[in-house]
Protein backbone atom coordinates (compact mmCIF):
# COMPACT_ATOMS: atom_id res chain seq x y z
CA MET A 1 -0.88 45.91 41.60
CA ALA A 2 -4.34 45.48 43.14
CA LYS A 3 -6.64 42.85 41.68
CA ILE A 4 -9.69 44.26 39.89
CA SER A 5 -13.00 43.19 41.39
CA LYS A 6 -15.51 41.37 39.18
CA GLU A 7 -17.80 44.42 39.28
CA LYS A 8 -15.06 46.62 37.82
CA TRP A 9 -14.13 43.98 35.22
CA VAL A 10 -17.23 44.86 33.17
CA GLY A 11 -17.25 47.63 30.58
CA CYS A 12 -13.78 47.53 29.05
CA PRO A 13 -13.88 46.20 25.47
CA PHE A 14 -10.41 44.68 25.75
CA ARG A 15 -11.29 42.83 28.94
CA TYR A 16 -14.52 41.58 27.40
CA ALA A 17 -12.78 40.30 24.27
CA ALA A 18 -9.91 38.75 26.23
CA ALA A 19 -12.34 36.93 28.50
CA ALA A 20 -14.52 35.75 25.61
CA PHE A 21 -11.87 34.44 23.19
CA GLY A 22 -8.48 35.91 24.07
CA ASP A 23 -6.37 32.94 25.07
CA LYS A 24 -4.14 31.30 22.47
CA TRP A 25 -6.03 28.00 22.34
CA SER A 26 -9.42 29.63 21.82
CA MET A 27 -7.99 31.78 19.06
CA LEU A 28 -6.46 28.74 17.34
CA ILE A 29 -9.77 26.86 17.57
CA LEU A 30 -11.53 29.84 16.02
CA ARG A 31 -8.83 30.07 13.34
CA ASP A 32 -9.33 26.42 12.43
CA ILE A 33 -13.10 26.87 12.16
CA MET A 34 -12.99 30.25 10.41
CA PHE A 35 -10.21 29.62 7.90
CA GLY A 36 -9.99 25.83 7.82
CA SER A 37 -12.42 22.97 7.75
CA ALA A 38 -12.38 22.02 11.43
CA MET A 39 -15.68 21.45 13.16
CA ARG A 40 -15.29 18.15 15.05
CA TYR A 41 -13.36 17.52 18.26
CA THR A 42 -10.99 15.21 16.37
CA ASP A 43 -10.25 17.97 13.83
CA PHE A 44 -8.95 20.22 16.61
CA VAL A 45 -6.93 17.42 18.22
CA LYS A 46 -5.13 16.95 14.89
CA SER A 47 -4.02 20.60 14.74
CA GLU A 48 -0.23 20.86 14.53
CA GLU A 49 -0.07 22.99 17.69
CA GLY A 50 -0.89 19.90 19.76
CA ILE A 51 -3.60 21.09 22.12
CA ALA A 52 -4.14 18.81 25.11
CA THR A 53 -7.55 17.13 25.10
CA ASN A 54 -8.55 18.53 28.50
CA VAL A 55 -7.64 22.06 27.36
CA LEU A 56 -9.53 21.55 24.10
CA ALA A 57 -12.67 20.36 25.88
CA ASN A 58 -12.46 23.33 28.26
CA ARG A 59 -11.98 25.91 25.48
CA LEU A 60 -14.77 24.47 23.33
CA GLU A 61 -17.12 24.59 26.30
CA HIS A 62 -16.02 28.17 27.06
CA LEU A 63 -16.63 29.29 23.45
CA VAL A 64 -20.07 27.63 23.46
CA ASN A 65 -20.94 29.23 26.82
CA ASN A 66 -19.89 32.62 25.45
CA GLU A 67 -22.13 32.03 22.39
CA ILE A 68 -19.20 32.25 19.96
CA LEU A 69 -19.64 28.63 18.90
CA ASP A 70 -22.75 26.52 18.59
CA LYS A 71 -22.53 22.84 19.51
CA ARG A 72 -24.82 20.57 17.48
CA PRO A 73 -25.20 16.83 16.94
CA ASP A 74 -22.96 15.56 14.16
CA PRO A 75 -25.21 14.71 11.18
CA ASP A 76 -22.88 11.79 10.36
CA ASP A 77 -22.84 10.36 13.90
CA ALA A 78 -25.40 11.67 16.41
CA ARG A 79 -23.25 10.40 19.31
CA LYS A 80 -20.69 13.09 18.42
CA SER A 81 -20.88 16.86 18.07
CA ILE A 82 -19.88 19.51 15.57
CA TYR A 83 -18.99 23.10 16.37
CA LEU A 84 -20.08 25.99 14.18
CA LEU A 85 -19.60 29.74 14.43
CA THR A 86 -22.59 31.64 15.74
CA GLU A 87 -23.41 35.12 14.46
CA LYS A 88 -21.31 36.45 17.35
CA GLY A 89 -18.44 34.20 16.25
CA LYS A 90 -18.76 35.23 12.59
CA ASP A 91 -18.52 38.86 13.70
CA LEU A 92 -14.93 38.09 14.78
CA ALA A 93 -13.87 37.64 11.14
CA PRO A 94 -12.73 41.27 10.69
CA VAL A 95 -10.71 40.99 13.93
CA PHE A 96 -8.96 37.86 12.66
CA LEU A 97 -8.39 39.40 9.23
CA ALA A 98 -6.82 42.44 10.90
CA MET A 99 -4.57 40.12 12.92
CA ILE A 100 -3.47 38.37 9.71
CA GLN A 101 -2.76 41.72 8.08
CA TRP A 102 -0.79 42.93 11.12
CA SER A 103 1.20 39.68 11.25
CA GLN A 104 1.97 39.84 7.54
CA LYS A 105 3.43 43.30 8.07
CA TRP A 106 5.48 42.56 11.19
CA ASP A 107 6.28 38.82 11.18
CA ASP A 108 9.10 38.24 8.71
CA ARG A 109 8.62 34.47 9.12
CA THR A 110 4.87 34.41 8.43
CA LEU A 111 3.61 31.45 6.44
CA VAL A 112 0.71 33.45 5.04
CA PRO A 113 1.24 34.46 1.39
CA LYS A 114 1.32 38.23 0.77
CA ASP A 115 -1.80 38.07 -1.41
CA PHE A 116 -3.80 35.88 1.01
CA LEU A 117 -6.15 38.63 2.22
CA VAL A 118 -6.83 39.92 -1.29
CA ASN A 119 -7.59 36.38 -2.46
CA LEU A 120 -9.65 35.62 0.64
CA LEU A 121 -11.80 38.69 0.21
CA SER A 122 -12.30 37.83 -3.46
CA GLY A 123 -13.25 34.25 -2.53
CA SER A 124 -10.26 32.51 -4.11
CA ALA A 125 -7.88 31.90 -1.19
CA PRO A 126 -7.09 28.51 0.33
CA PRO A 127 -6.53 28.34 4.12
CA PRO A 128 -3.17 29.76 5.25
CA PRO A 129 -0.32 27.23 5.40
CA GLY A 130 -0.23 25.32 8.65
CA ASP A 131 -3.99 25.54 9.19
CA SER A 132 -6.38 22.60 9.37
């Protein structure tokens, strides 16, 4: 199969999304921010998936460069940083909710309770099991 040139890479919504946030580590970082309480580098390091620190630093930088995350000084320690969802990042919420719904339907070993989405949308759901 011929490699697609960079000029032809533009325009496809799936390519754009995959390039912006589509690898597993970026998605898990976004999960931990969106549905958990993670916002500091150390929060992501503690995730049970065990992301390597060099991969974490790379993915955080990538998400900041793609304007999905905003990097700001930590109000508790200005030598450190916190990561927050930008408007572009927040707009991924329906995508992630659809992924949860799809996984609930097709993954018979899911750790997400059946009523998680209903409770989340009503404002009464805790983070899914296994999340930070």
